[in-house]
Amino acid sequence: MIKRSEEITQQYFAFLEKHIKEVISGIVAEFMEVNEIAGQLAISHKHLTDTVKKETGKHPCFFYDEKIIQESQLMLITSDKSVAEIARIFTYDPSNFSKFFKKMTGITPGEFRRSKIK
């Protein structure tokens, strides 16, 4: 029997996976805030944050950002879309996307793409 805190954390990760794919595919227009996700899971924002932190040691936003980075890295490697197009798919202004990407990975999306495509 899994603990409720593990169940909540698993539900959060499952929701995140599905939600990010829906944004990428255009089914959903923009990313939800963590408090909106908590509402979808029928728990409070504080409870979701505290539970995910307790189970993983990290804030829910960390995993949200990490998943966006993973998906955008995959797109940078596997598609010929421009960085600006990819930024828009992820609902970012291109310059903000580049800043976010660099903050998370240490390199720009263009540098990442060039390092992976030889």
PDB file of N, CA and C in Angstrom:
ATOM      1  N   MET A   1       0.848  -1.192   0.000  1.00  0.00           N
ATOM      2  CA  MET A   1       0.000   0.000   0.000  1.00  0.00           C
ATOM      3  C   MET A   1       0.891   1.252   0.000  1.00  0.00           C
ATOM      4  N   ILE A   2       0.674   2.146  -0.971  1.00  0.00           N
ATOM      5  CA  ILE A   2       1.526   3.336  -1.006  1.00  0.00           C
ATOM      6  C   ILE A   2       0.950   4.428  -0.109  1.00  0.00           C
ATOM      7  N   LYS A   3       1.844   5.223   0.416  1.00  0.00           N
ATOM      8  CA  LYS A   3       1.425   6.326   1.284  1.00  0.00           C
ATOM      9  C   LYS A   3       0.713   7.377   0.444  1.00  0.00           C
ATOM     10  N   ARG A   4      -0.160   8.138   1.073  1.00  0.00           N
ATOM     11  CA  ARG A   4      -0.888   9.203   0.383  1.00  0.00           C
ATOM     12  C   ARG A   4       0.092  10.216  -0.220  1.00  0.00           C
ATOM     13  N   SER A   5       1.180  10.523   0.500  1.00  0.00           N
ATOM     14  CA  SER A   5       2.143  11.506  -0.009  1.00  0.00           C
ATOM     15  C   SER A   5       2.817  10.997  -1.292  1.00  0.00           C
ATOM     16  N   GLU A   6       3.077   9.693  -1.360  1.00  0.00           N
ATOM     17  CA  GLU A   6       3.664   9.108  -2.575  1.00  0.00           C
ATOM     18  C   GLU A   6       2.651   9.159  -3.714  1.00  0.00           C
ATOM     19  N   GLU A   7       1.388   8.897  -3.364  1.00  0.00           N
ATOM     20  CA  GLU A   7       0.317   8.914  -4.362  1.00  0.00           C
ATOM     21  C   GLU A   7       0.166  10.322  -4.953  1.00  0.00           C
ATOM     22  N   ILE A   8       0.169  11.337  -4.091  1.00  0.00           N
ATOM     23  CA  ILE A   8       0.048  12.732  -4.546  1.00  0.00           C
ATOM     24  C   ILE A   8       1.223  13.083  -5.461  1.00  0.00           C
ATOM     25  N   THR A   9       2.422  12.696  -5.061  1.00  0.00           N
ATOM     26  CA  THR A   9       3.618  12.987  -5.854  1.00  0.00           C
ATOM     27  C   THR A   9       3.533  12.298  -7.213  1.00  0.00           C
ATOM     28  N   GLN A  10       3.108  11.047  -7.231  1.00  0.00           N
ATOM     29  CA  GLN A  10       2.948  10.320  -8.503  1.00  0.00           C
ATOM     30  C   GLN A  10       1.890  10.974  -9.379  1.00  0.00           C
ATOM     31  N   GLN A  11       0.789  11.405  -8.756  1.00  0.00           N
ATOM     32  CA  GLN A  11      -0.276  12.080  -9.514  1.00  0.00           C
ATOM     33  C   GLN A  11       0.247  13.384 -10.121  1.00  0.00           C
ATOM     34  N   TYR A  12       1.048  14.108  -9.352  1.00  0.00           N
ATOM     35  CA  TYR A  12       1.628  15.360  -9.854  1.00  0.00           C
ATOM     36  C   TYR A  12       2.502  15.081 -11.076  1.00  0.00           C
ATOM     37  N   PHE A  13       3.392  14.089 -10.978  1.00  0.00           N
ATOM     38  CA  PHE A  13       4.278  13.764 -12.097  1.00  0.00           C
ATOM     39  C   PHE A  13       3.484  13.301 -13.324  1.00  0.00           C
ATOM     40  N   ALA A  14       2.465  12.493 -13.112  1.00  0.00           N
ATOM     41  CA  ALA A  14       1.629  12.013 -14.215  1.00  0.00           C
ATOM     42  C   ALA A  14       0.889  13.185 -14.865  1.00  0.00           C
ATOM     43  N   PHE A  15       0.364  14.089 -14.039  1.00  0.00           N
ATOM     44  CA  PHE A  15      -0.342  15.253 -14.569  1.00  0.00           C
ATOM     45  C   PHE A  15       0.609  16.127 -15.385  1.00  0.00           C
ATOM     46  N   LEU A  16       1.793  16.352 -14.838  1.00  0.00           N
ATOM     47  CA  LEU A  16       2.807  17.178 -15.502  1.00  0.00           C
ATOM     48  C   LEU A  16       3.145  16.615 -16.882  1.00  0.00           C
ATOM     49  N   GLU A  17       3.395  15.332 -16.934  1.00  0.00           N
ATOM     50  CA  GLU A  17       3.730  14.642 -18.189  1.00  0.00           C
ATOM     51  C   GLU A  17       2.645  14.893 -19.236  1.00  0.00           C
ATOM     52  N   LYS A  18       1.401  14.637 -18.854  1.00  0.00           N
ATOM     53  CA  LYS A  18       0.257  14.776 -19.757  1.00  0.00           C
ATOM     54  C   LYS A  18       0.075  16.248 -20.144  1.00  0.00           C
ATOM     55  N   HIS A  19       0.121  17.128 -19.169  1.00  0.00           N
ATOM     56  CA  HIS A  19      -0.122  18.558 -19.402  1.00  0.00           C
ATOM     57  C   HIS A  19       0.914  19.145 -20.358  1.00  0.00           C
ATOM     58  N   ILE A  20       2.181  18.842 -20.161  1.00  0.00           N
ATOM     59  CA  ILE A  20       3.235  19.388 -21.025  1.00  0.00           C
ATOM     60  C   ILE A  20       3.066  18.874 -22.450  1.00  0.00           C
ATOM     61  N   LYS A  21       2.713  17.606 -22.604  1.00  0.00           N
ATOM     62  CA  LYS A  21       2.462  17.057 -23.946  1.00  0.00           C
ATOM     63  C   LYS A  21       1.273  17.766 -24.601  1.00  0.00           C
ATOM     64  N   GLU A  22       0.247  18.089 -23.811  1.00  0.00           N
ATOM     65  CA  GLU A  22      -0.925  18.790 -24.359  1.00  0.00           C
ATOM     66  C   GLU A  22      -0.563  20.209 -24.808  1.00  0.00           C
ATOM     67  N   VAL A  23       0.309  20.873 -24.070  1.00  0.00           N
ATOM     68  CA  VAL A  23       0.751  22.219 -24.461  1.00  0.00           C
ATOM     69  C   VAL A  23       1.565  22.125 -25.754  1.00  0.00           C
ATOM     70  N   ILE A  24       2.499  21.173 -25.805  1.00  0.00           N
ATOM     71  CA  ILE A  24       3.353  21.002 -26.986  1.00  0.00           C
ATOM     72  C   ILE A  24       2.507  20.724 -28.225  1.00  0.00           C
ATOM     73  N   SER A  25       1.489  19.886 -28.068  1.00  0.00           N
ATOM     74  CA  SER A  25       0.670  19.506 -29.224  1.00  0.00           C
ATOM     75  C   SER A  25      -0.397  20.553 -29.547  1.00  0.00           C
ATOM     76  N   GLY A  26      -0.506  21.589 -28.709  1.00  0.00           N
ATOM     77  CA  GLY A  26      -1.463  22.659 -28.994  1.00  0.00           C
ATOM     78  C   GLY A  26      -2.869  22.405 -28.482  1.00  0.00           C
ATOM     79  N   ILE A  27      -3.080  21.303 -27.770  1.00  0.00           N
ATOM     80  CA  ILE A  27      -4.402  20.991 -27.204  1.00  0.00           C
ATOM     81  C   ILE A  27      -4.744  22.022 -26.129  1.00  0.00           C
ATOM     82  N   VAL A  28      -3.722  22.413 -25.359  1.00  0.00           N
ATOM     83  CA  VAL A  28      -3.876  23.405 -24.292  1.00  0.00           C
ATOM     84  C   VAL A  28      -3.035  24.620 -24.691  1.00  0.00           C
ATOM     85  N   ALA A  29      -3.585  25.814 -24.513  1.00  0.00           N
ATOM     86  CA  ALA A  29      -2.928  27.027 -25.003  1.00  0.00           C
ATOM     87  C   ALA A  29      -1.721  27.462 -24.178  1.00  0.00           C
ATOM     88  N   GLU A  30      -1.772  27.232 -22.868  1.00  0.00           N
ATOM     89  CA  GLU A  30      -0.634  27.673 -22.049  1.00  0.00           C
ATOM     90  C   GLU A  30      -0.456  26.791 -20.830  1.00  0.00           C
ATOM     91  N   PHE A  31       0.728  26.915 -20.233  1.00  0.00           N
ATOM     92  CA  PHE A  31       1.026  26.121 -19.050  1.00  0.00           C
ATOM     93  C   PHE A  31       0.221  26.605 -17.850  1.00  0.00           C
ATOM     94  N   MET A  32      -0.224  25.658 -17.055  1.00  0.00           N
ATOM     95  CA  MET A  32      -0.928  25.972 -15.812  1.00  0.00           C
ATOM     96  C   MET A  32       0.091  26.363 -14.750  1.00  0.00           C
ATOM     97  N   GLU A  33      -0.362  27.134 -13.799  1.00  0.00           N
ATOM     98  CA  GLU A  33       0.452  27.435 -12.616  1.00  0.00           C
ATOM     99  C   GLU A  33       0.360  26.216 -11.690  1.00  0.00           C
ATOM    100  N   VAL A  34       1.319  26.093 -10.786  1.00  0.00           N
ATOM    101  CA  VAL A  34       1.309  24.957  -9.850  1.00  0.00           C
ATOM    102  C   VAL A  34       0.025  24.961  -9.013  1.00  0.00           C
ATOM    103  N   ASN A  35      -0.460  26.156  -8.643  1.00  0.00           N
ATOM    104  CA  ASN A  35      -1.704  26.199  -7.849  1.00  0.00           C
ATOM    105  C   ASN A  35      -2.903  25.676  -8.659  1.00  0.00           C
ATOM    106  N   GLU A  36      -2.889  25.877  -9.977  1.00  0.00           N
ATOM    107  CA  GLU A  36      -3.973  25.351 -10.817  1.00  0.00           C
ATOM    108  C   GLU A  36      -3.873  23.825 -10.914  1.00  0.00           C
ATOM    109  N   ILE A  37      -2.648  23.325 -10.987  1.00  0.00           N
ATOM    110  CA  ILE A  37      -2.452  21.869 -11.015  1.00  0.00           C
ATOM    111  C   ILE A  37      -2.941  21.264  -9.701  1.00  0.00           C
ATOM    112  N   ALA A  38      -2.609  21.912  -8.592  1.00  0.00           N
ATOM    113  CA  ALA A  38      -3.085  21.443  -7.283  1.00  0.00           C
ATOM    114  C   ALA A  38      -4.608  21.342  -7.294  1.00  0.00           C
ATOM    115  N   GLY A  39      -5.253  22.364  -7.835  1.00  0.00           N
ATOM    116  CA  GLY A  39      -6.718  22.355  -7.941  1.00  0.00           C
ATOM    117  C   GLY A  39      -7.222  21.174  -8.760  1.00  0.00           C
ATOM    118  N   GLN A  40      -6.534  20.873  -9.866  1.00  0.00           N
ATOM    119  CA  GLN A  40      -6.905  19.722 -10.703  1.00  0.00           C
ATOM    120  C   GLN A  40      -6.757  18.406  -9.934  1.00  0.00           C
ATOM    121  N   LEU A  41      -5.803  18.380  -9.007  1.00  0.00           N
ATOM    122  CA  LEU A  41      -5.575  17.172  -8.198  1.00  0.00           C
ATOM    123  C   LEU A  41      -6.428  17.183  -6.922  1.00  0.00           C
ATOM    124  N   ALA A  42      -7.245  18.214  -6.787  1.00  0.00           N
ATOM    125  CA  ALA A  42      -8.174  18.357  -5.653  1.00  0.00           C
ATOM    126  C   ALA A  42      -7.459  18.470  -4.304  1.00  0.00           C
ATOM    127  N   ILE A  43      -6.319  19.178  -4.297  1.00  0.00           N
ATOM    128  CA  ILE A  43      -5.613  19.467  -3.043  1.00  0.00           C
ATOM    129  C   ILE A  43      -5.164  20.933  -3.062  1.00  0.00           C
ATOM    130  N   SER A  44      -4.782  21.435  -1.921  1.00  0.00           N
ATOM    131  CA  SER A  44      -4.342  22.832  -1.861  1.00  0.00           C
ATOM    132  C   SER A  44      -2.938  22.970  -2.440  1.00  0.00           C
ATOM    133  N   HIS A  45      -2.623  24.179  -2.867  1.00  0.00           N
ATOM    134  CA  HIS A  45      -1.300  24.494  -3.413  1.00  0.00           C
ATOM    135  C   HIS A  45      -0.231  24.175  -2.367  1.00  0.00           C
ATOM    136  N   LYS A  46      -0.479  24.593  -1.129  1.00  0.00           N
ATOM    137  CA  LYS A  46       0.488  24.362  -0.043  1.00  0.00           C
ATOM    138  C   LYS A  46       0.697  22.858   0.194  1.00  0.00           C
ATOM    139  N   HIS A  47      -0.405  22.113   0.195  1.00  0.00           N
ATOM    140  CA  HIS A  47      -0.313  20.670   0.427  1.00  0.00           C
ATOM    141  C   HIS A  47       0.487  19.998  -0.688  1.00  0.00           C
ATOM    142  N   LEU A  48       0.223  20.391  -1.944  1.00  0.00           N
ATOM    143  CA  LEU A  48       0.970  19.819  -3.068  1.00  0.00           C
ATOM    144  C   LEU A  48       2.463  20.150  -2.933  1.00  0.00           C
ATOM    145  N   THR A  49       2.760  21.416  -2.688  1.00  0.00           N
ATOM    146  CA  THR A  49       4.154  21.861  -2.563  1.00  0.00           C
ATOM    147  C   THR A  49       4.859  21.138  -1.419  1.00  0.00           C
ATOM    148  N   ASP A  50       4.224  21.127  -0.246  1.00  0.00           N
ATOM    149  CA  ASP A  50       4.829  20.475   0.925  1.00  0.00           C
ATOM    150  C   ASP A  50       5.047  18.982   0.686  1.00  0.00           C
ATOM    151  N   THR A  51       4.064  18.330   0.063  1.00  0.00           N
ATOM    152  CA  THR A  51       4.129  16.883  -0.169  1.00  0.00           C
ATOM    153  C   THR A  51       5.235  16.530  -1.161  1.00  0.00           C
ATOM    154  N   VAL A  52       5.283  17.239  -2.291  1.00  0.00           N
ATOM    155  CA  VAL A  52       6.307  16.946  -3.298  1.00  0.00           C
ATOM    156  C   VAL A  52       7.693  17.234  -2.728  1.00  0.00           C
ATOM    157  N   LYS A  53       7.807  18.331  -1.957  1.00  0.00           N
ATOM    158  CA  LYS A  53       9.095  18.658  -1.325  1.00  0.00           C
ATOM    159  C   LYS A  53       9.516  17.566  -0.356  1.00  0.00           C
ATOM    160  N   LYS A  54       8.563  17.077   0.449  1.00  0.00           N
ATOM    161  CA  LYS A  54       8.858  16.041   1.437  1.00  0.00           C
ATOM    162  C   LYS A  54       9.287  14.739   0.755  1.00  0.00           C
ATOM    163  N   GLU A  55       8.614  14.392  -0.328  1.00  0.00           N
ATOM    164  CA  GLU A  55       8.888  13.127  -1.030  1.00  0.00           C
ATOM    165  C   GLU A  55      10.158  13.180  -1.868  1.00  0.00           C
ATOM    166  N   THR A  56      10.479  14.353  -2.426  1.00  0.00           N
ATOM    167  CA  THR A  56      11.577  14.423  -3.407  1.00  0.00           C
ATOM    168  C   THR A  56      12.740  15.315  -2.968  1.00  0.00           C
ATOM    169  N   GLY A  57      12.468  16.192  -1.995  1.00  0.00           N
ATOM    170  CA  GLY A  57      13.485  17.153  -1.587  1.00  0.00           C
ATOM    171  C   GLY A  57      13.513  18.400  -2.453  1.00  0.00           C
ATOM    172  N   LYS A  58      12.621  18.462  -3.450  1.00  0.00           N
ATOM    173  CA  LYS A  58      12.607  19.607  -4.356  1.00  0.00           C
ATOM    174  C   LYS A  58      11.192  20.157  -4.530  1.00  0.00           C
ATOM    175  N   HIS A  59      11.121  21.442  -4.859  1.00  0.00           N
ATOM    176  CA  HIS A  59       9.848  22.134  -5.096  1.00  0.00           C
ATOM    177  C   HIS A  59       9.216  21.610  -6.390  1.00  0.00           C
ATOM    178  N   PRO A  60       7.884  21.553  -6.455  1.00  0.00           N
ATOM    179  CA  PRO A  60       7.223  21.103  -7.690  1.00  0.00           C
ATOM    180  C   PRO A  60       7.675  21.875  -8.934  1.00  0.00           C
ATOM    181  N   CYS A  61       7.975  23.162  -8.791  1.00  0.00           N
ATOM    182  CA  CYS A  61       8.409  23.975  -9.937  1.00  0.00           C
ATOM    183  C   CYS A  61       9.697  23.440 -10.554  1.00  0.00           C
ATOM    184  N   PHE A  62      10.563  22.884  -9.720  1.00  0.00           N
ATOM    185  CA  PHE A  62      11.821  22.332 -10.223  1.00  0.00           C
ATOM    186  C   PHE A  62      11.532  21.259 -11.274  1.00  0.00           C
ATOM    187  N   PHE A  63      10.595  20.364 -10.961  1.00  0.00           N
ATOM    188  CA  PHE A  63      10.279  19.256 -11.863  1.00  0.00           C
ATOM    189  C   PHE A  63       9.548  19.751 -13.110  1.00  0.00           C
ATOM    190  N   TYR A  64       8.728  20.767 -12.934  1.00  0.00           N
ATOM    191  CA  TYR A  64       8.005  21.396 -14.042  1.00  0.00           C
ATOM    192  C   TYR A  64       9.030  21.956 -15.028  1.00  0.00           C
ATOM    193  N   ASP A  65       9.951  22.773 -14.517  1.00  0.00           N
ATOM    194  CA  ASP A  65      10.992  23.378 -15.358  1.00  0.00           C
ATOM    195  C   ASP A  65      11.870  22.308 -16.004  1.00  0.00           C
ATOM    196  N   GLU A  66      12.247  21.311 -15.205  1.00  0.00           N
ATOM    197  CA  GLU A  66      13.106  20.240 -15.704  1.00  0.00           C
ATOM    198  C   GLU A  66      12.439  19.497 -16.869  1.00  0.00           C
ATOM    199  N   LYS A  67      11.141  19.242 -16.740  1.00  0.00           N
ATOM    200  CA  LYS A  67      10.401  18.526 -17.787  1.00  0.00           C
ATOM    201  C   LYS A  67      10.312  19.383 -19.048  1.00  0.00           C
ATOM    202  N   ILE A  68      10.090  20.678 -18.894  1.00  0.00           N
ATOM    203  CA  ILE A  68      10.043  21.585 -20.049  1.00  0.00           C
ATOM    204  C   ILE A  68      11.399  21.583 -20.758  1.00  0.00           C
ATOM    205  N   ILE A  69      12.467  21.614 -19.981  1.00  0.00           N
ATOM    206  CA  ILE A  69      13.818  21.581 -20.560  1.00  0.00           C
ATOM    207  C   ILE A  69      14.048  20.259 -21.307  1.00  0.00           C
ATOM    208  N   GLN A  70      13.689  19.143 -20.691  1.00  0.00           N
ATOM    209  CA  GLN A  70      13.877  17.834 -21.348  1.00  0.00           C
ATOM    210  C   GLN A  70      13.132  17.775 -22.679  1.00  0.00           C
ATOM    211  N   GLU A  71      11.874  18.221 -22.663  1.00  0.00           N
ATOM    212  CA  GLU A  71      11.069  18.181 -23.884  1.00  0.00           C
ATOM    213  C   GLU A  71      11.620  19.135 -24.939  1.00  0.00           C
ATOM    214  N   SER A  72      12.081  20.307 -24.518  1.00  0.00           N
ATOM    215  CA  SER A  72      12.617  21.267 -25.496  1.00  0.00           C
ATOM    216  C   SER A  72      13.959  20.762 -26.043  1.00  0.00           C
ATOM    217  N   GLN A  73      14.772  20.109 -25.202  1.00  0.00           N
ATOM    218  CA  GLN A  73      16.035  19.531 -25.684  1.00  0.00           C
ATOM    219  C   GLN A  73      15.758  18.464 -26.740  1.00  0.00           C
ATOM    220  N   LEU A  74      14.763  17.634 -26.473  1.00  0.00           N
ATOM    221  CA  LEU A  74      14.392  16.592 -27.427  1.00  0.00           C
ATOM    222  C   LEU A  74      13.985  17.231 -28.756  1.00  0.00           C
ATOM    223  N   MET A  75      13.185  18.280 -28.687  1.00  0.00           N
ATOM    224  CA  MET A  75      12.732  18.970 -29.889  1.00  0.00           C
ATOM    225  C   MET A  75      13.906  19.633 -30.626  1.00  0.00           C
ATOM    226  N   LEU A  76      14.848  20.201 -29.870  1.00  0.00           N
ATOM    227  CA  LEU A  76      16.023  20.836 -30.494  1.00  0.00           C
ATOM    228  C   LEU A  76      16.844  19.810 -31.276  1.00  0.00           C
ATOM    229  N   ILE A  77      16.919  18.584 -30.763  1.00  0.00           N
ATOM    230  CA  ILE A  77      17.728  17.540 -31.398  1.00  0.00           C
ATOM    231  C   ILE A  77      16.982  16.872 -32.553  1.00  0.00           C
ATOM    232  N   THR A  78      15.677  16.661 -32.378  1.00  0.00           N
ATOM    233  CA  THR A  78      14.937  15.826 -33.333  1.00  0.00           C
ATOM    234  C   THR A  78      14.149  16.600 -34.379  1.00  0.00           C
ATOM    235  N   SER A  79      14.055  17.914 -34.252  1.00  0.00           N
ATOM    236  CA  SER A  79      13.281  18.665 -35.246  1.00  0.00           C
ATOM    237  C   SER A  79      14.167  19.713 -35.903  1.00  0.00           C
ATOM    238  N   ASP A  80      13.690  20.236 -37.005  1.00  0.00           N
ATOM    239  CA  ASP A  80      14.438  21.318 -37.649  1.00  0.00           C
ATOM    240  C   ASP A  80      13.768  22.671 -37.384  1.00  0.00           C
ATOM    241  N   LYS A  81      12.893  22.704 -36.380  1.00  0.00           N
ATOM    242  CA  LYS A  81      12.247  23.968 -35.998  1.00  0.00           C
ATOM    243  C   LYS A  81      13.312  24.920 -35.441  1.00  0.00           C
ATOM    244  N   SER A  82      13.108  26.209 -35.677  1.00  0.00           N
ATOM    245  CA  SER A  82      14.036  27.198 -35.127  1.00  0.00           C
ATOM    246  C   SER A  82      13.853  27.284 -33.614  1.00  0.00           C
ATOM    247  N   VAL A  83      14.852  27.850 -32.947  1.00  0.00           N
ATOM    248  CA  VAL A  83      14.753  28.044 -31.496  1.00  0.00           C
ATOM    249  C   VAL A  83      13.525  28.896 -31.182  1.00  0.00           C
ATOM    250  N   ALA A  84      13.280  29.919 -32.003  1.00  0.00           N
ATOM    251  CA  ALA A  84      12.106  30.791 -31.779  1.00  0.00           C
ATOM    252  C   ALA A  84      10.801  30.017 -31.909  1.00  0.00           C
ATOM    253  N   GLU A  85      10.709  29.125 -32.904  1.00  0.00           N
ATOM    254  CA  GLU A  85       9.501  28.302 -33.062  1.00  0.00           C
ATOM    255  C   GLU A  85       9.313  27.393 -31.850  1.00  0.00           C
ATOM    256  N   ILE A  86      10.405  26.787 -31.401  1.00  0.00           N
ATOM    257  CA  ILE A  86      10.334  25.902 -30.234  1.00  0.00           C
ATOM    258  C   ILE A  86       9.917  26.703 -29.003  1.00  0.00           C
ATOM    259  N   ALA A  87      10.484  27.895 -28.843  1.00  0.00           N
ATOM    260  CA  ALA A  87      10.113  28.764 -27.719  1.00  0.00           C
ATOM    261  C   ALA A  87       8.604  29.004 -27.727  1.00  0.00           C
ATOM    262  N   ARG A  88       8.057  29.317 -28.903  1.00  0.00           N
ATOM    263  CA  ARG A  88       6.613  29.592 -28.994  1.00  0.00           C
ATOM    264  C   ARG A  88       5.775  28.354 -28.700  1.00  0.00           C
ATOM    265  N   ILE A  89       6.249  27.180 -29.131  1.00  0.00           N
ATOM    266  CA  ILE A  89       5.534  25.928 -28.826  1.00  0.00           C
ATOM    267  C   ILE A  89       5.422  25.768 -27.308  1.00  0.00           C
ATOM    268  N   PHE A  90       6.491  26.161 -26.600  1.00  0.00           N
ATOM    269  CA  PHE A  90       6.499  26.065 -25.142  1.00  0.00           C
ATOM    270  C   PHE A  90       5.948  27.328 -24.481  1.00  0.00           C
ATOM    271  N   THR A  91       5.252  28.139 -25.268  1.00  0.00           N
ATOM    272  CA  THR A  91       4.564  29.370 -24.830  1.00  0.00           C
ATOM    273  C   THR A  91       5.513  30.419 -24.245  1.00  0.00           C
ATOM    274  N   TYR A  92       6.732  30.455 -24.721  1.00  0.00           N
ATOM    275  CA  TYR A  92       7.707  31.445 -24.264  1.00  0.00           C
ATOM    276  C   TYR A  92       7.955  32.473 -25.351  1.00  0.00           C
ATOM    277  N   ASP A  93       8.273  33.682 -24.921  1.00  0.00           N
ATOM    278  CA  ASP A  93       8.877  34.669 -25.804  1.00  0.00           C
ATOM    279  C   ASP A  93      10.283  34.116 -26.082  1.00  0.00           C
ATOM    280  N   PRO A  94      10.767  34.159 -27.345  1.00  0.00           N
ATOM    281  CA  PRO A  94      12.070  33.552 -27.650  1.00  0.00           C
ATOM    282  C   PRO A  94      13.236  33.998 -26.756  1.00  0.00           C
ATOM    283  N   SER A  95      13.333  35.295 -26.436  1.00  0.00           N
ATOM    284  CA  SER A  95      14.473  35.718 -25.600  1.00  0.00           C
ATOM    285  C   SER A  95      14.329  35.205 -24.172  1.00  0.00           C
ATOM    286  N   ASN A  96      13.110  35.165 -23.660  1.00  0.00           N
ATOM    287  CA  ASN A  96      12.891  34.617 -22.312  1.00  0.00           C
ATOM    288  C   ASN A  96      13.177  33.120 -22.288  1.00  0.00           C
ATOM    289  N   PHE A  97      12.822  32.432 -23.361  1.00  0.00           N
ATOM    290  CA  PHE A  97      13.080  30.997 -23.441  1.00  0.00           C
ATOM    291  C   PHE A  97      14.583  30.734 -23.408  1.00  0.00           C
ATOM    292  N   SER A  98      15.339  31.506 -24.171  1.00  0.00           N
ATOM    293  CA  SER A  98      16.798  31.324 -24.191  1.00  0.00           C
ATOM    294  C   SER A  98      17.403  31.564 -22.814  1.00  0.00           C
ATOM    295  N   LYS A  99      16.907  32.601 -22.116  1.00  0.00           N
ATOM    296  CA  LYS A  99      17.404  32.894 -20.754  1.00  0.00           C
ATOM    297  C   LYS A  99      17.070  31.748 -19.808  1.00  0.00           C
ATOM    298  N   PHE A 100      15.818  31.288 -19.863  1.00  0.00           N
ATOM    299  CA  PHE A 100      15.367  30.174 -19.019  1.00  0.00           C
ATOM    300  C   PHE A 100      16.198  28.918 -19.314  1.00  0.00           C
ATOM    301  N   PHE A 101      16.386  28.606 -20.589  1.00  0.00           N
ATOM    302  CA  PHE A 101      17.139  27.427 -20.993  1.00  0.00           C
ATOM    303  C   PHE A 101      18.579  27.512 -20.478  1.00  0.00           C
ATOM    304  N   LYS A 102      19.184  28.683 -20.637  1.00  0.00           N
ATOM    305  CA  LYS A 102      20.579  28.855 -20.202  1.00  0.00           C
ATOM    306  C   LYS A 102      20.687  28.764 -18.675  1.00  0.00           C
ATOM    307  N   LYS A 103      19.707  29.342 -17.976  1.00  0.00           N
ATOM    308  CA  LYS A 103      19.701  29.280 -16.509  1.00  0.00           C
ATOM    309  C   LYS A 103      19.639  27.822 -16.045  1.00  0.00           C
ATOM    310  N   MET A 104      18.852  27.018 -16.740  1.00  0.00           N
ATOM    311  CA  MET A 104      18.647  25.620 -16.338  1.00  0.00           C
ATOM    312  C   MET A 104      19.789  24.699 -16.781  1.00  0.00           C
ATOM    313  N   THR A 105      20.421  24.997 -17.913  1.00  0.00           N
ATOM    314  CA  THR A 105      21.394  24.050 -18.482  1.00  0.00           C
ATOM    315  C   THR A 105      22.816  24.589 -18.542  1.00  0.00           C
ATOM    316  N   GLY A 106      22.963  25.908 -18.440  1.00  0.00           N
ATOM    317  CA  GLY A 106      24.292  26.511 -18.536  1.00  0.00           C
ATOM    318  C   GLY A 106      24.696  26.895 -19.953  1.00  0.00           C
ATOM    319  N   ILE A 107      23.880  26.504 -20.937  1.00  0.00           N
ATOM    320  CA  ILE A 107      24.149  26.880 -22.333  1.00  0.00           C
ATOM    321  C   ILE A 107      22.862  27.329 -23.013  1.00  0.00           C
ATOM    322  N   THR A 108      22.987  28.033 -24.128  1.00  0.00           N
ATOM    323  CA  THR A 108      21.803  28.491 -24.859  1.00  0.00           C
ATOM    324  C   THR A 108      21.209  27.335 -25.664  1.00  0.00           C
ATOM    325  N   PRO A 109      19.947  27.470 -26.097  1.00  0.00           N
ATOM    326  CA  PRO A 109      19.360  26.414 -26.938  1.00  0.00           C
ATOM    327  C   PRO A 109      20.183  26.163 -28.209  1.00  0.00           C
ATOM    328  N   GLY A 110      20.686  27.236 -28.822  1.00  0.00           N
ATOM    329  CA  GLY A 110      21.500  27.089 -30.032  1.00  0.00           C
ATOM    330  C   GLY A 110      22.786  26.326 -29.769  1.00  0.00           C
ATOM    331  N   GLU A 111      23.433  26.647 -28.650  1.00  0.00           N
ATOM    332  CA  GLU A 111      24.667  25.936 -28.273  1.00  0.00           C
ATOM    333  C   GLU A 111      24.366  24.457 -28.006  1.00  0.00           C
ATOM    334  N   PHE A 112      23.241  24.216 -27.341  1.00  0.00           N
ATOM    335  CA  PHE A 112      22.839  22.833 -27.056  1.00  0.00           C
ATOM    336  C   PHE A 112      22.666  22.065 -28.365  1.00  0.00           C
ATOM    337  N   ARG A 113      21.906  22.665 -29.294  1.00  0.00           N
ATOM    338  CA  ARG A 113      21.649  22.003 -30.576  1.00  0.00           C
ATOM    339  C   ARG A 113      22.963  21.722 -31.311  1.00  0.00           C
ATOM    340  N   ARG A 114      23.829  22.707 -31.379  1.00  0.00           N
ATOM    341  CA  ARG A 114      25.110  22.530 -32.097  1.00  0.00           C
ATOM    342  C   ARG A 114      25.971  21.451 -31.435  1.00  0.00           C
ATOM    343  N   SER A 115      25.887  21.332 -30.103  1.00  0.00           N
ATOM    344  CA  SER A 115      26.715  20.338 -29.398  1.00  0.00           C
ATOM    345  C   SER A 115      26.208  18.920 -29.643  1.00  0.00           C
ATOM    346  N   LYS A 116      24.928  18.778 -29.991  1.00  0.00           N
ATOM    347  CA  LYS A 116      24.333  17.442 -30.161  1.00  0.00           C
ATOM    348  C   LYS A 116      24.282  16.999 -31.617  1.00  0.00           C
ATOM    349  N   ILE A 117      24.283  17.955 -32.535  1.00  0.00           N
ATOM    350  CA  ILE A 117      24.168  17.623 -33.960  1.00  0.00           C
ATOM    351  C   ILE A 117      25.530  17.838 -34.599  1.00  0.00           C
ATOM    352  N   LYS A 118      26.161  16.753 -34.923  1.00  0.00           N
ATOM    353  CA  LYS A 118      27.512  16.832 -35.512  1.00  0.00           C
ATOM    354  C   LYS A 118      27.436  16.554 -36.999  1.00  0.00           C
TER     355      LYS A 118
END
